[in-house]
C-alpha atoms as a PDB file:
ATOM      1  CA  MET A   1     -17.801   3.863  47.430  1.00  0.00           C
ATOM      2  CA  ARG A   2     -19.680   6.989  46.312  1.00  0.00           C
ATOM      3  CA  HIS A   3     -19.809  10.110  48.476  1.00  0.00           C
ATOM      4  CA  ARG A   4     -16.849   9.291  50.705  1.00  0.00           C
ATOM      5  CA  ALA A   5     -17.094  12.690  52.415  1.00  0.00           C
ATOM      6  CA  VAL A   6     -20.466  11.711  53.914  1.00  0.00           C
ATOM      7  CA  ASN A   7     -18.785   8.670  55.482  1.00  0.00           C
ATOM      8  CA  ALA A   8     -16.439  10.712  57.649  1.00  0.00           C
ATOM      9  CA  LEU A   9     -15.739  11.559  61.257  1.00  0.00           C
ATOM     10  CA  TRP A  10     -14.483  14.785  62.829  1.00  0.00           C
ATOM     11  CA  ALA A  11     -11.490  13.716  64.923  1.00  0.00           C
ATOM     12  CA  GLU A  12      -9.912  16.434  67.064  1.00  0.00           C
ATOM     13  CA  ASP A  13      -8.930  18.963  64.368  1.00  0.00           C
ATOM     14  CA  ALA A  14      -9.095  16.813  61.255  1.00  0.00           C
ATOM     15  CA  ILE A  15     -11.482  14.936  58.999  1.00  0.00           C
ATOM     16  CA  GLU A  16     -11.161  11.141  59.006  1.00  0.00           C
ATOM     17  CA  LEU A  17     -12.502   9.478  55.863  1.00  0.00           C
ATOM     18  CA  HIS A  18     -13.381   5.826  56.376  1.00  0.00           C
ATOM     19  CA  PRO A  19     -13.015   3.101  53.769  1.00  0.00           C
ATOM     20  CA  SER A  20     -16.081   1.210  55.053  1.00  0.00           C
ATOM     21  CA  ALA A  21     -19.637   2.473  55.462  1.00  0.00           C
ATOM     22  CA  ASN A  22     -20.579   1.488  59.004  1.00  0.00           C
ATOM     23  CA  VAL A  23     -24.210   2.565  59.058  1.00  0.00           C
ATOM     24  CA  GLY A  24     -25.930   3.204  62.376  1.00  0.00           C
ATOM     25  CA  ILE A  25     -29.681   2.648  62.606  1.00  0.00           C
ATOM     26  CA  ALA A  26     -31.386   4.678  65.344  1.00  0.00           C
ATOM     27  CA  VAL A  27     -33.731   2.359  67.273  1.00  0.00           C
ATOM     28  CA  ALA A  28     -36.136   3.427  70.018  1.00  0.00           C
ATOM     29  CA  ILE A  29     -36.253   0.913  72.852  1.00  0.00           C
ATOM     30  CA  GLU A  30     -37.843   1.017  76.290  1.00  0.00           C
ATOM     31  CA  ALA A  31     -34.623   2.287  77.895  1.00  0.00           C
ATOM     32  CA  GLY A  32     -34.178   5.074  75.311  1.00  0.00           C
ATOM     33  CA  LEU A  33     -32.416   5.315  71.973  1.00  0.00           C
ATOM     34  CA  VAL A  34     -29.655   3.009  70.742  1.00  0.00           C
ATOM     35  CA  VAL A  35     -27.771   3.150  67.463  1.00  0.00           C
ATOM     36  CA  PRO A  36     -26.575  -0.320  66.442  1.00  0.00           C
ATOM     37  CA  VAL A  37     -24.272  -0.443  63.432  1.00  0.00           C
ATOM     38  CA  ILE A  38     -24.290  -2.458  60.209  1.00  0.00           C
ATOM     39  CA  HIS A  39     -20.567  -2.766  59.523  1.00  0.00           C
ATOM     40  CA  GLN A  40     -19.206  -2.661  55.963  1.00  0.00           C
ATOM     41  CA  ALA A  41     -22.660  -1.972  54.561  1.00  0.00           C
ATOM     42  CA  GLU A  42     -21.193  -1.113  51.150  1.00  0.00           C
ATOM     43  CA  ARG A  43     -20.244  -4.782  50.684  1.00  0.00           C
ATOM     44  CA  LEU A  44     -23.800  -6.067  51.158  1.00  0.00           C
ATOM     45  CA  THR A  45     -26.492  -6.633  48.560  1.00  0.00           C
ATOM     46  CA  ILE A  46     -29.857  -4.941  49.033  1.00  0.00           C
ATOM     47  CA  ALA A  47     -31.299  -8.220  50.361  1.00  0.00           C
ATOM     48  CA  GLU A  48     -28.357  -8.645  52.763  1.00  0.00           C
ATOM     49  CA  LEU A  49     -28.758  -5.044  53.971  1.00  0.00           C
ATOM     50  CA  ALA A  50     -32.462  -5.613  54.619  1.00  0.00           C
ATOM     51  CA  ALA A  51     -31.710  -8.811  56.555  1.00  0.00           C
ATOM     52  CA  ALA A  52     -28.912  -7.135  58.556  1.00  0.00           C
ATOM     53  CA  ARG A  53     -31.199  -4.220  59.427  1.00  0.00           C
ATOM     54  CA  ALA A  54     -34.013  -6.538  60.525  1.00  0.00           C
ATOM     55  CA  ASP A  55     -31.581  -8.583  62.634  1.00  0.00           C
ATOM     56  CA  ILE A  56     -29.929  -5.643  64.372  1.00  0.00           C
ATOM     57  CA  VAL A  57     -33.242  -3.886  65.074  1.00  0.00           C
ATOM     58  CA  ALA A  58     -34.731  -7.106  66.520  1.00  0.00           C
ATOM     59  CA  ARG A  59     -31.669  -7.646  68.706  1.00  0.00           C
ATOM     60  CA  ALA A  60     -31.847  -4.017  69.889  1.00  0.00           C
ATOM     61  CA  ARG A  61     -35.511  -4.392  70.850  1.00  0.00           C
ATOM     62  CA  ASP A  62     -34.778  -7.710  72.610  1.00  0.00           C
ATOM     63  CA  ASN A  63     -31.834  -6.151  74.491  1.00  0.00           C
ATOM     64  CA  ARG A  64     -29.406  -8.607  72.854  1.00  0.00           C
ATOM     65  CA  LEU A  65     -26.877  -6.173  71.368  1.00  0.00           C
ATOM     66  CA  ARG A  66     -23.172  -6.756  71.877  1.00  0.00           C
ATOM     67  CA  GLN A  67     -20.734  -3.881  72.380  1.00  0.00           C
ATOM     68  CA  GLU A  68     -19.347  -4.384  68.857  1.00  0.00           C
ATOM     69  CA  ASP A  69     -22.885  -3.811  67.509  1.00  0.00           C
ATOM     70  CA  LEU A  70     -22.737  -0.276  68.917  1.00  0.00           C
ATOM     71  CA  ASP A  71     -19.170   0.659  67.975  1.00  0.00           C
ATOM     72  CA  GLY A  72     -17.662   2.161  64.848  1.00  0.00           C
ATOM     73  CA  GLY A  73     -20.591   3.935  63.198  1.00  0.00           C
ATOM     74  CA  THR A  74     -19.627   6.370  60.434  1.00  0.00           C
ATOM     75  CA  PHE A  75     -23.128   7.486  59.331  1.00  0.00           C
ATOM     76  CA  THR A  76     -26.572   7.201  60.964  1.00  0.00           C
ATOM     77  CA  ILE A  77     -30.122   6.838  59.647  1.00  0.00           C
ATOM     78  CA  SER A  78     -33.037   7.924  61.843  1.00  0.00           C
ATOM     79  CA  ASN A  79     -36.575   7.038  60.704  1.00  0.00           C
ATOM     80  CA  LEU A  80     -39.556   8.624  62.443  1.00  0.00           C
ATOM     81  CA  GLY A  81     -41.822   7.967  59.477  1.00  0.00           C
ATOM     82  CA  MET A  82     -43.324   4.922  61.188  1.00  0.00           C
ATOM     83  CA  PHE A  83     -44.695   7.315  63.820  1.00  0.00           C
ATOM     84  CA  GLY A  84     -46.360   9.498  61.176  1.00  0.00           C
ATOM     85  CA  VAL A  85     -43.735  12.246  61.417  1.00  0.00           C
ATOM     86  CA  GLU A  86     -43.508  13.809  57.955  1.00  0.00           C
ATOM     87  CA  GLN A  87     -40.219  15.613  58.468  1.00  0.00           C
ATOM     88  CA  PHE A  88     -37.715  16.359  61.211  1.00  0.00           C
ATOM     89  CA  VAL A  89     -34.130  17.371  61.775  1.00  0.00           C
ATOM     90  CA  ALA A  90     -32.111  14.570  63.354  1.00  0.00           C
ATOM     91  CA  VAL A  91     -29.450  15.421  65.922  1.00  0.00           C
ATOM     92  CA  LEU A  92     -25.953  14.627  64.727  1.00  0.00           C
ATOM     93  CA  ASN A  93     -24.256  11.626  66.340  1.00  0.00           C
ATOM     94  CA  PRO A  94     -20.706  12.955  67.028  1.00  0.00           C
ATOM     95  CA  PRO A  95     -18.092  12.464  65.716  1.00  0.00           C
ATOM     96  CA  GLN A  96     -19.998  11.452  62.561  1.00  0.00           C
ATOM     97  CA  ALA A  97     -20.192  13.974  59.711  1.00  0.00           C
ATOM     98  CA  ALA A  98     -23.869  13.356  58.898  1.00  0.00           C
ATOM     99  CA  ILE A  99     -27.186  11.778  59.874  1.00  0.00           C
ATOM    100  CA  LEU A 100     -30.135  11.148  57.549  1.00  0.00           C
ATOM    101  CA  ALA A 101     -33.659  11.811  58.868  1.00  0.00           C
ATOM    102  CA  VAL A 102     -36.399   9.806  57.105  1.00  0.00           C
ATOM    103  CA  GLY A 103     -39.978  11.052  57.284  1.00  0.00           C
ATOM    104  CA  ALA A 104     -43.298   9.306  56.649  1.00  0.00           C
ATOM    105  CA  ILE A 105     -44.448   8.420  53.158  1.00  0.00           C
ATOM    106  CA  GLU A 106     -47.477  10.588  52.424  1.00  0.00           C
ATOM    107  CA  SER A 107     -49.781  10.696  49.419  1.00  0.00           C
ATOM    108  CA  LYS A 108     -49.502  14.196  47.934  1.00  0.00           C
ATOM    109  CA  VAL A 109     -51.076  15.763  44.877  1.00  0.00           C
ATOM    110  CA  VAL A 110     -48.378  16.912  42.457  1.00  0.00           C
ATOM    111  CA  PRO A 111     -48.482  18.511  39.007  1.00  0.00           C
ATOM    112  CA  THR A 112     -47.767  16.256  36.024  1.00  0.00           C
ATOM    113  CA  GLU A 113     -47.539  16.894  32.280  1.00  0.00           C
ATOM    114  CA  THR A 114     -51.251  16.082  31.913  1.00  0.00           C
ATOM    115  CA  GLY A 115     -52.672  17.586  35.112  1.00  0.00           C
ATOM    116  CA  PHE A 116     -52.358  16.455  38.707  1.00  0.00           C
ATOM    117  CA  GLU A 117     -51.788  13.072  40.360  1.00  0.00           C
ATOM    118  CA  ALA A 118     -51.512  11.707  43.878  1.00  0.00           C
ATOM    119  CA  ARG A 119     -48.016  10.338  44.418  1.00  0.00           C
ATOM    120  CA  PRO A 120     -46.218   8.804  47.412  1.00  0.00           C
ATOM    121  CA  LEU A 121     -43.667  11.332  48.696  1.00  0.00           C
ATOM    122  CA  MET A 122     -41.392  11.522  51.708  1.00  0.00           C
ATOM    123  CA  THR A 123     -38.993  14.067  53.109  1.00  0.00           C
ATOM    124  CA  LEU A 124     -35.341  13.263  53.750  1.00  0.00           C
ATOM    125  CA  THR A 125     -33.268  15.703  55.798  1.00  0.00           C
ATOM    126  CA  LEU A 126     -29.499  15.502  56.122  1.00  0.00           C
ATOM    127  CA  THR A 127     -27.872  17.069  59.183  1.00  0.00           C
ATOM    128  CA  CYS A 128     -24.158  17.747  58.644  1.00  0.00           C
ATOM    129  CA  ASP A 129     -21.125  18.821  60.599  1.00  0.00           C
ATOM    130  CA  HIS A 130     -19.834  21.539  58.271  1.00  0.00           C
ATOM    131  CA  ARG A 131     -16.304  21.051  59.554  1.00  0.00           C
ATOM    132  CA  SER A 132     -16.375  17.706  57.736  1.00  0.00           C
ATOM    133  CA  LEU A 133     -19.011  18.070  55.046  1.00  0.00           C
ATOM    134  CA  ASP A 134     -20.058  21.112  53.025  1.00  0.00           C
ATOM    135  CA  GLY A 135     -23.574  21.804  51.765  1.00  0.00           C
ATOM    136  CA  ALA A 136     -22.833  21.186  48.082  1.00  0.00           C
ATOM    137  CA  THR A 137     -21.383  17.744  48.807  1.00  0.00           C
ATOM    138  CA  ALA A 138     -24.352  16.958  51.063  1.00  0.00           C
ATOM    139  CA  ALA A 139     -26.777  18.027  48.313  1.00  0.00           C
ATOM    140  CA  ASP A 140     -25.017  15.751  45.824  1.00  0.00           C
ATOM    141  CA  PHE A 141     -25.407  12.835  48.270  1.00  0.00           C
ATOM    142  CA  LEU A 142     -29.134  13.580  48.673  1.00  0.00           C
ATOM    143  CA  ARG A 143     -29.535  13.724  44.871  1.00  0.00           C
ATOM    144  CA  THR A 144     -28.068  10.219  44.675  1.00  0.00           C
ATOM    145  CA  VAL A 145     -30.362   8.916  47.445  1.00  0.00           C
ATOM    146  CA  LYS A 146     -33.362  10.462  45.660  1.00  0.00           C
ATOM    147  CA  ALA A 147     -32.340   8.864  42.354  1.00  0.00           C
ATOM    148  CA  PHE A 148     -31.961   5.441  44.026  1.00  0.00           C
ATOM    149  CA  LEU A 149     -35.389   5.708  45.666  1.00  0.00           C
ATOM    150  CA  GLU A 150     -37.033   6.749  42.398  1.00  0.00           C
ATOM    151  CA  GLU A 151     -35.150   4.171  40.274  1.00  0.00           C
ATOM    152  CA  PRO A 152     -33.933   1.301  42.519  1.00  0.00           C
ATOM    153  CA  GLY A 153     -32.243  -0.398  39.548  1.00  0.00           C
ATOM    154  CA  LEU A 154     -29.583   2.325  39.663  1.00  0.00           C
ATOM    155  CA  MET A 155     -28.217   0.709  42.843  1.00  0.00           C
ATOM    156  CA  LEU A 156     -27.310  -2.498  41.025  1.00  0.00           C
END
């Protein structure tokens, strides 16, 4: 697994690195916010991840989550892009080392080699617990996420 330091917890006075990426997905429901977890996400294909995310979000919205769906998260993703929010800083979900905030995809004019073009862009913000994860390591993780979004074939 790449970027093991991002998949960590702060436990008492020590960093706990986890062998499995148990990814929490922040979901707004009528009663508030829940963060169900896709366990061992690193073992899933992209199609399996998409199906697991759709399943866990649907079960959260239908109030059908089990306790094990909420336990064991090691990293969280929070997406407010669907509400038109371009960028935000997500609140860390202790004891996790990091949470990724995903903003809306917006068409922006950017310079190119031949002039200017409208391109789809979005802002990702990573909130970190610096006891567990330093800024340089976090930046390296974000570079990888950016590369995967720009060239999805790199994930294969």
